[in-house]
PDB file of N, CA and C in Angstrom:
ATOM      1  N   MET A   1      19.314  18.561  10.857  1.00  0.00           N
ATOM      2  CA  MET A   1      18.720  17.469  10.121  1.00  0.00           C
ATOM      3  C   MET A   1      17.222  17.490  10.349  1.00  0.00           C
ATOM      4  N   ARG A   2      16.480  17.237   9.306  1.00  0.00           N
ATOM      5  CA  ARG A   2      15.017  17.307   9.363  1.00  0.00           C
ATOM      6  C   ARG A   2      14.428  15.930   9.543  1.00  0.00           C
ATOM      7  N   ASN A   3      13.538  15.798  10.542  1.00  0.00           N
ATOM      8  CA  ASN A   3      12.835  14.553  10.787  1.00  0.00           C
ATOM      9  C   ASN A   3      11.631  14.501   9.856  1.00  0.00           C
ATOM     10  N   VAL A   4      11.494  13.420   9.107  1.00  0.00           N
ATOM     11  CA  VAL A   4      10.392  13.289   8.157  1.00  0.00           C
ATOM     12  C   VAL A   4       9.184  12.728   8.897  1.00  0.00           C
ATOM     13  N   SER A   5       8.048  13.355   8.706  1.00  0.00           N
ATOM     14  CA  SER A   5       6.820  12.932   9.383  1.00  0.00           C
ATOM     15  C   SER A   5       6.323  11.593   8.854  1.00  0.00           C
ATOM     16  N   LYS A   6       5.356  11.025   9.576  1.00  0.00           N
ATOM     17  CA  LYS A   6       4.790   9.731   9.188  1.00  0.00           C
ATOM     18  C   LYS A   6       4.258   9.741   7.767  1.00  0.00           C
ATOM     19  N   GLY A   7       3.707  10.822   7.325  1.00  0.00           N
ATOM     20  CA  GLY A   7       3.140  10.903   5.989  1.00  0.00           C
ATOM     21  C   GLY A   7       4.169  11.169   4.911  1.00  0.00           C
ATOM     22  N   GLY A   8       5.446  11.129   5.268  1.00  0.00           N
ATOM     23  CA  GLY A   8       6.486  11.502   4.328  1.00  0.00           C
ATOM     24  C   GLY A   8       7.103  10.376   3.531  1.00  0.00           C
ATOM     25  N   VAL A   9       6.401   9.263   3.379  1.00  0.00           N
ATOM     26  CA  VAL A   9       6.962   8.127   2.637  1.00  0.00           C
ATOM     27  C   VAL A   9       7.304   8.532   1.209  1.00  0.00           C
ATOM     28  N   ASP A  10       6.442   9.332   0.592  1.00  0.00           N
ATOM     29  CA  ASP A  10       6.731   9.791  -0.775  1.00  0.00           C
ATOM     30  C   ASP A  10       8.005  10.626  -0.811  1.00  0.00           C
ATOM     31  N   GLU A  11       8.190  11.462   0.202  1.00  0.00           N
ATOM     32  CA  GLU A  11       9.402  12.277   0.282  1.00  0.00           C
ATOM     33  C   GLU A  11      10.640  11.395   0.433  1.00  0.00           C
ATOM     34  N   VAL A  12      10.540  10.365   1.254  1.00  0.00           N
ATOM     35  CA  VAL A  12      11.654   9.436   1.448  1.00  0.00           C
ATOM     36  C   VAL A  12      11.947   8.698   0.150  1.00  0.00           C
ATOM     37  N   ALA A  13      10.907   8.259  -0.541  1.00  0.00           N
ATOM     38  CA  ALA A  13      11.095   7.565  -1.822  1.00  0.00           C
ATOM     39  C   ALA A  13      11.792   8.482  -2.829  1.00  0.00           C
ATOM     40  N   ARG A  14      11.392   9.745  -2.869  1.00  0.00           N
ATOM     41  CA  ARG A  14      12.047  10.699  -3.787  1.00  0.00           C
ATOM     42  C   ARG A  14      13.505  10.898  -3.416  1.00  0.00           C
ATOM     43  N   ALA A  15      13.791  10.940  -2.117  1.00  0.00           N
ATOM     44  CA  ALA A  15      15.174  11.122  -1.677  1.00  0.00           C
ATOM     45  C   ALA A  15      16.028   9.903  -2.057  1.00  0.00           C
ATOM     46  N   ILE A  16      15.491   8.714  -1.875  1.00  0.00           N
ATOM     47  CA  ILE A  16      16.229   7.494  -2.256  1.00  0.00           C
ATOM     48  C   ILE A  16      16.461   7.484  -3.761  1.00  0.00           C
ATOM     49  N   GLU A  17      15.445   7.830  -4.504  1.00  0.00           N
ATOM     50  CA  GLU A  17      15.569   7.871  -5.968  1.00  0.00           C
ATOM     51  C   GLU A  17      16.621   8.899  -6.393  1.00  0.00           C
ATOM     52  N   ALA A  18      16.639  10.048  -5.737  1.00  0.00           N
ATOM     53  CA  ALA A  18      17.639  11.079  -6.044  1.00  0.00           C
ATOM     54  C   ALA A  18      19.041  10.596  -5.688  1.00  0.00           C
ATOM     55  N   TYR A  19      19.163   9.906  -4.555  1.00  0.00           N
ATOM     56  CA  TYR A  19      20.466   9.384  -4.153  1.00  0.00           C
ATOM     57  C   TYR A  19      20.976   8.402  -5.205  1.00  0.00           C
ATOM     58  N   LEU A  20      20.105   7.519  -5.659  1.00  0.00           N
ATOM     59  CA  LEU A  20      20.510   6.533  -6.658  1.00  0.00           C
ATOM     60  C   LEU A  20      20.830   7.175  -8.002  1.00  0.00           C
ATOM     61  N   ALA A  21      20.176   8.275  -8.324  1.00  0.00           N
ATOM     62  CA  ALA A  21      20.496   8.988  -9.565  1.00  0.00           C
ATOM     63  C   ALA A  21      21.924   9.524  -9.514  1.00  0.00           C
ATOM     64  N   GLY A  22      22.340   9.971  -8.341  1.00  0.00           N
ATOM     65  CA  GLY A  22      23.695  10.491  -8.181  1.00  0.00           C
ATOM     66  C   GLY A  22      24.739   9.432  -7.892  1.00  0.00           C
ATOM     67  N   HIS A  23      24.293   8.258  -7.453  1.00  0.00           N
ATOM     68  CA  HIS A  23      25.183   7.145  -7.099  1.00  0.00           C
ATOM     69  C   HIS A  23      24.604   5.856  -7.690  1.00  0.00           C
ATOM     70  N   PRO A  24      24.650   5.690  -9.004  1.00  0.00           N
ATOM     71  CA  PRO A  24      23.952   4.569  -9.658  1.00  0.00           C
ATOM     72  C   PRO A  24      24.443   3.189  -9.247  1.00  0.00           C
ATOM     73  N   ASP A  25      25.617   3.069  -8.690  1.00  0.00           N
ATOM     74  CA  ASP A  25      26.114   1.765  -8.268  1.00  0.00           C
ATOM     75  C   ASP A  25      25.921   1.512  -6.776  1.00  0.00           C
ATOM     76  N   ALA A  26      25.258   2.430  -6.084  1.00  0.00           N
ATOM     77  CA  ALA A  26      25.037   2.276  -4.640  1.00  0.00           C
ATOM     78  C   ALA A  26      24.112   1.101  -4.367  1.00  0.00           C
ATOM     79  N   ALA A  27      24.374   0.424  -3.255  1.00  0.00           N
ATOM     80  CA  ALA A  27      23.522  -0.687  -2.816  1.00  0.00           C
ATOM     81  C   ALA A  27      23.671  -0.816  -1.304  1.00  0.00           C
ATOM     82  N   ASP A  28      22.556  -0.982  -0.610  1.00  0.00           N
ATOM     83  CA  ASP A  28      22.599  -1.117   0.847  1.00  0.00           C
ATOM     84  C   ASP A  28      21.273  -1.691   1.335  1.00  0.00           C
ATOM     85  N   ASN A  29      21.252  -2.085   2.615  1.00  0.00           N
ATOM     86  CA  ASN A  29      20.005  -2.545   3.213  1.00  0.00           C
ATOM     87  C   ASN A  29      19.251  -1.350   3.797  1.00  0.00           C
ATOM     88  N   GLU A  30      18.067  -1.631   4.367  1.00  0.00           N
ATOM     89  CA  GLU A  30      17.241  -0.546   4.894  1.00  0.00           C
ATOM     90  C   GLU A  30      17.966   0.244   5.976  1.00  0.00           C
ATOM     91  N   HIS A  31      18.707  -0.461   6.822  1.00  0.00           N
ATOM     92  CA  HIS A  31      19.408   0.201   7.916  1.00  0.00           C
ATOM     93  C   HIS A  31      20.515   1.113   7.391  1.00  0.00           C
ATOM     94  N   GLY A  32      21.248   0.647   6.393  1.00  0.00           N
ATOM     95  CA  GLY A  32      22.300   1.467   5.802  1.00  0.00           C
ATOM     96  C   GLY A  32      21.746   2.693   5.098  1.00  0.00           C
ATOM     97  N   ILE A  33      20.619   2.515   4.415  1.00  0.00           N
ATOM     98  CA  ILE A  33      19.991   3.653   3.737  1.00  0.00           C
ATOM     99  C   ILE A  33      19.561   4.701   4.767  1.00  0.00           C
ATOM    100  N   ALA A  34      18.950   4.229   5.874  1.00  0.00           N
ATOM    101  CA  ALA A  34      18.503   5.144   6.929  1.00  0.00           C
ATOM    102  C   ALA A  34      19.687   5.809   7.631  1.00  0.00           C
ATOM    103  N   ALA A  35      20.789   5.064   7.787  1.00  0.00           N
ATOM    104  CA  ALA A  35      21.933   5.581   8.552  1.00  0.00           C
ATOM    105  C   ALA A  35      22.915   6.392   7.720  1.00  0.00           C
ATOM    106  N   TRP A  36      23.023   6.108   6.419  1.00  0.00           N
ATOM    107  CA  TRP A  36      24.077   6.736   5.620  1.00  0.00           C
ATOM    108  C   TRP A  36      23.561   7.572   4.459  1.00  0.00           C
ATOM    109  N   TRP A  37      22.632   7.051   3.687  1.00  0.00           N
ATOM    110  CA  TRP A  37      22.185   7.791   2.503  1.00  0.00           C
ATOM    111  C   TRP A  37      21.366   9.014   2.887  1.00  0.00           C
ATOM    112  N   LEU A  38      20.328   8.799   3.670  1.00  0.00           N
ATOM    113  CA  LEU A  38      19.370   9.866   3.940  1.00  0.00           C
ATOM    114  C   LEU A  38      19.908  10.971   4.843  1.00  0.00           C
ATOM    115  N   PRO A  39      20.686  10.654   5.891  1.00  0.00           N
ATOM    116  CA  PRO A  39      21.268  11.753   6.675  1.00  0.00           C
ATOM    117  C   PRO A  39      22.158  12.667   5.831  1.00  0.00           C
ATOM    118  N   GLY A  40      22.835  12.100   4.841  1.00  0.00           N
ATOM    119  CA  GLY A  40      23.649  12.912   3.946  1.00  0.00           C
ATOM    120  C   GLY A  40      22.821  13.869   3.109  1.00  0.00           C
ATOM    121  N   MET A  41      21.517  13.600   3.055  1.00  0.00           N
ATOM    122  CA  MET A  41      20.592  14.465   2.329  1.00  0.00           C
ATOM    123  C   MET A  41      19.790  15.329   3.300  1.00  0.00           C
ATOM    124  N   GLY A  42      20.190  15.300   4.575  1.00  0.00           N
ATOM    125  CA  GLY A  42      19.531  16.121   5.581  1.00  0.00           C
ATOM    126  C   GLY A  42      18.259  15.543   6.155  1.00  0.00           C
ATOM    127  N   LEU A  43      18.034  14.232   5.980  1.00  0.00           N
ATOM    128  CA  LEU A  43      16.811  13.603   6.475  1.00  0.00           C
ATOM    129  C   LEU A  43      17.108  12.603   7.577  1.00  0.00           C
ATOM    130  N   ASP A  44      16.302  12.635   8.616  1.00  0.00           N
ATOM    131  CA  ASP A  44      16.352  11.671   9.711  1.00  0.00           C
ATOM    132  C   ASP A  44      15.096  10.825   9.597  1.00  0.00           C
ATOM    133  N   VAL A  45      15.249   9.567   9.178  1.00  0.00           N
ATOM    134  CA  VAL A  45      14.107   8.728   8.833  1.00  0.00           C
ATOM    135  C   VAL A  45      14.201   7.391   9.555  1.00  0.00           C
ATOM    136  N   PRO A  46      13.114   6.945  10.206  1.00  0.00           N
ATOM    137  CA  PRO A  46      13.135   5.622  10.829  1.00  0.00           C
ATOM    138  C   PRO A  46      13.154   4.514   9.771  1.00  0.00           C
ATOM    139  N   VAL A  47      13.730   3.383  10.130  1.00  0.00           N
ATOM    140  CA  VAL A  47      13.877   2.266   9.192  1.00  0.00           C
ATOM    141  C   VAL A  47      12.524   1.813   8.651  1.00  0.00           C
ATOM    142  N   VAL A  48      11.496   1.816   9.468  1.00  0.00           N
ATOM    143  CA  VAL A  48      10.177   1.388   8.994  1.00  0.00           C
ATOM    144  C   VAL A  48       9.699   2.261   7.832  1.00  0.00           C
ATOM    145  N   GLN A  49       9.997   3.536   7.880  1.00  0.00           N
ATOM    146  CA  GLN A  49       9.615   4.435   6.792  1.00  0.00           C
ATOM    147  C   GLN A  49      10.476   4.190   5.548  1.00  0.00           C
ATOM    148  N   VAL A  50      11.738   3.845   5.750  1.00  0.00           N
ATOM    149  CA  VAL A  50      12.601   3.494   4.622  1.00  0.00           C
ATOM    150  C   VAL A  50      12.039   2.258   3.927  1.00  0.00           C
ATOM    151  N   ARG A  51      11.620   1.261   4.706  1.00  0.00           N
ATOM    152  CA  ARG A  51      11.034   0.049   4.119  1.00  0.00           C
ATOM    153  C   ARG A  51       9.799   0.374   3.290  1.00  0.00           C
ATOM    154  N   GLN A  52       8.944   1.233   3.802  1.00  0.00           N
ATOM    155  CA  GLN A  52       7.734   1.620   3.074  1.00  0.00           C
ATOM    156  C   GLN A  52       8.092   2.317   1.764  1.00  0.00           C
ATOM    157  N   ALA A  53       9.076   3.193   1.812  1.00  0.00           N
ATOM    158  CA  ALA A  53       9.515   3.887   0.601  1.00  0.00           C
ATOM    159  C   ALA A  53      10.120   2.909  -0.394  1.00  0.00           C
ATOM    160  N   LEU A  54      10.916   1.965   0.097  1.00  0.00           N
ATOM    161  CA  LEU A  54      11.513   0.963  -0.789  1.00  0.00           C
ATOM    162  C   LEU A  54      10.444   0.081  -1.421  1.00  0.00           C
ATOM    163  N   ASP A  55       9.423  -0.274  -0.660  1.00  0.00           N
ATOM    164  CA  ASP A  55       8.313  -1.049  -1.219  1.00  0.00           C
ATOM    165  C   ASP A  55       7.651  -0.302  -2.374  1.00  0.00           C
ATOM    166  N   ALA A  56       7.431   0.997  -2.190  1.00  0.00           N
ATOM    167  CA  ALA A  56       6.840   1.809  -3.254  1.00  0.00           C
ATOM    168  C   ALA A  56       7.756   1.867  -4.471  1.00  0.00           C
ATOM    169  N   LEU A  57       9.059   2.014  -4.238  1.00  0.00           N
ATOM    170  CA  LEU A  57      10.019   2.070  -5.348  1.00  0.00           C
ATOM    171  C   LEU A  57      10.142   0.720  -6.040  1.00  0.00           C
ATOM    172  N   LEU A  58      10.013  -0.366  -5.302  1.00  0.00           N
ATOM    173  CA  LEU A  58      10.002  -1.702  -5.910  1.00  0.00           C
ATOM    174  C   LEU A  58       8.805  -1.852  -6.844  1.00  0.00           C
ATOM    175  N   GLN A  59       7.644  -1.429  -6.385  1.00  0.00           N
ATOM    176  CA  GLN A  59       6.431  -1.536  -7.200  1.00  0.00           C
ATOM    177  C   GLN A  59       6.532  -0.719  -8.477  1.00  0.00           C
ATOM    178  N   ARG A  60       7.246   0.393  -8.411  1.00  0.00           N
ATOM    179  CA  ARG A  60       7.425   1.246  -9.590  1.00  0.00           C
ATOM    180  C   ARG A  60       8.581   0.799 -10.474  1.00  0.00           C
ATOM    181  N   GLY A  61       9.344  -0.205 -10.029  1.00  0.00           N
ATOM    182  CA  GLY A  61      10.470  -0.683 -10.807  1.00  0.00           C
ATOM    183  C   GLY A  61      11.704   0.189 -10.730  1.00  0.00           C
ATOM    184  N   VAL A  62      11.785   1.057  -9.733  1.00  0.00           N
ATOM    185  CA  VAL A  62      12.919   1.961  -9.573  1.00  0.00           C
ATOM    186  C   VAL A  62      14.093   1.249  -8.913  1.00  0.00           C
ATOM    187  N   VAL A  63      13.801   0.392  -7.933  1.00  0.00           N
ATOM    188  CA  VAL A  63      14.838  -0.373  -7.245  1.00  0.00           C
ATOM    189  C   VAL A  63      14.568  -1.858  -7.404  1.00  0.00           C
ATOM    190  N   MET A  64      15.601  -2.627  -7.134  1.00  0.00           N
ATOM    191  CA  MET A  64      15.453  -4.081  -7.102  1.00  0.00           C
ATOM    192  C   MET A  64      16.127  -4.596  -5.847  1.00  0.00           C
ATOM    193  N   VAL A  65      15.756  -5.797  -5.431  1.00  0.00           N
ATOM    194  CA  VAL A  65      16.318  -6.428  -4.242  1.00  0.00           C
ATOM    195  C   VAL A  65      17.333  -7.463  -4.693  1.00  0.00           C
ATOM    196  N   VAL A  66      18.475  -7.479  -4.027  1.00  0.00           N
ATOM    197  CA  VAL A  66      19.494  -8.499  -4.259  1.00  0.00           C
ATOM    198  C   VAL A  66      19.599  -9.306  -2.970  1.00  0.00           C
ATOM    199  N   ALA A  67      19.254 -10.587  -3.057  1.00  0.00           N
ATOM    200  CA  ALA A  67      19.305 -11.453  -1.876  1.00  0.00           C
ATOM    201  C   ALA A  67      20.745 -11.890  -1.631  1.00  0.00           C
ATOM    202  N   LEU A  68      21.177 -11.757  -0.381  1.00  0.00           N
ATOM    203  CA  LEU A  68      22.514 -12.162   0.042  1.00  0.00           C
ATOM    204  C   LEU A  68      22.373 -13.105   1.228  1.00  0.00           C
ATOM    205  N   PRO A  69      23.406 -13.893   1.532  1.00  0.00           N
ATOM    206  CA  PRO A  69      23.304 -14.816   2.670  1.00  0.00           C
ATOM    207  C   PRO A  69      22.933 -14.131   3.985  1.00  0.00           C
ATOM    208  N   GLY A  70      23.394 -12.910   4.222  1.00  0.00           N
ATOM    209  CA  GLY A  70      23.104 -12.218   5.466  1.00  0.00           C
ATOM    210  C   GLY A  70      21.868 -11.342   5.425  1.00  0.00           C
ATOM    211  N   GLY A  71      21.152 -11.328   4.332  1.00  0.00           N
ATOM    212  CA  GLY A  71      19.974 -10.469   4.186  1.00  0.00           C
ATOM    213  C   GLY A  71      19.845  -9.982   2.760  1.00  0.00           C
ATOM    214  N   ALA A  72      19.206  -8.870   2.579  1.00  0.00           N
ATOM    215  CA  ALA A  72      18.978  -8.334   1.238  1.00  0.00           C
ATOM    216  C   ALA A  72      19.459  -6.891   1.183  1.00  0.00           C
ATOM    217  N   ILE A  73      19.861  -6.487  -0.014  1.00  0.00           N
ATOM    218  CA  ILE A  73      20.216  -5.096  -0.257  1.00  0.00           C
ATOM    219  C   ILE A  73      19.372  -4.578  -1.414  1.00  0.00           C
ATOM    220  N   TYR A  74      19.268  -3.284  -1.484  1.00  0.00           N
ATOM    221  CA  TYR A  74      18.512  -2.618  -2.536  1.00  0.00           C
ATOM    222  C   TYR A  74      19.467  -1.817  -3.395  1.00  0.00           C
ATOM    223  N   ARG A  75      19.171  -1.778  -4.678  1.00  0.00           N
ATOM    224  CA  ARG A  75      19.966  -0.995  -5.613  1.00  0.00           C
ATOM    225  C   ARG A  75      19.070  -0.520  -6.736  1.00  0.00           C
ATOM    226  N   ALA A  76      19.577   0.378  -7.544  1.00  0.00           N
ATOM    227  CA  ALA A  76      18.803   0.875  -8.690  1.00  0.00           C
ATOM    228  C   ALA A  76      18.515  -0.285  -9.626  1.00  0.00           C
ATOM    229  N   ALA A  77      17.298  -0.333 -10.130  1.00  0.00           N
ATOM    230  CA  ALA A  77      16.911  -1.408 -11.031  1.00  0.00           C
ATOM    231  C   ALA A  77      17.684  -1.343 -12.344  1.00  0.00           C
ATOM    232  N   ASN A  78      18.136  -0.167 -12.725  1.00  0.00           N
ATOM    233  CA  ASN A  78      18.884  -0.024 -13.984  1.00  0.00           C
ATOM    234  C   ASN A  78      20.382   0.136 -13.719  1.00  0.00           C
ATOM    235  N   GLY A  79      20.838  -0.219 -12.520  1.00  0.00           N
ATOM    236  CA  GLY A  79      22.264  -0.088 -12.183  1.00  0.00           C
ATOM    237  C   GLY A  79      23.111  -1.039 -13.012  1.00  0.00           C
ATOM    238  N   ARG A  80      24.415  -0.832 -12.972  1.00  0.00           N
ATOM    239  CA  ARG A  80      25.336  -1.619 -13.773  1.00  0.00           C
ATOM    240  C   ARG A  80      25.777  -2.903 -13.121  1.00  0.00           C
ATOM    241  N   ARG A  81      25.471  -3.099 -11.841  1.00  0.00           N
ATOM    242  CA  ARG A  81      25.874  -4.342 -11.171  1.00  0.00           C
ATOM    243  C   ARG A  81      24.991  -5.474 -11.613  1.00  0.00           C
ATOM    244  N   SER A  82      25.514  -6.691 -11.541  1.00  0.00           N
ATOM    245  CA  SER A  82      24.706  -7.854 -11.924  1.00  0.00           C
ATOM    246  C   SER A  82      24.389  -8.685 -10.711  1.00  0.00           C
TER     247      SER A  82
END
């Protein structure tokens, strides 16, 4: 597994975007994305870097946040869930 450097936020954002392209109904929090999505793509990424990548994807309209009683999850902005 490859550890992504501090400057790799763009790489992490691309990996999240690719994961969502292959799994359009996927939704998880930052910890789940760091623990389950990215390792499956061969990346070892700290949660803080996942948050930075998600912030960038939010600004671009790629992902959206769904507020839940226990926290928030992220999913594709064009996903089929409501």
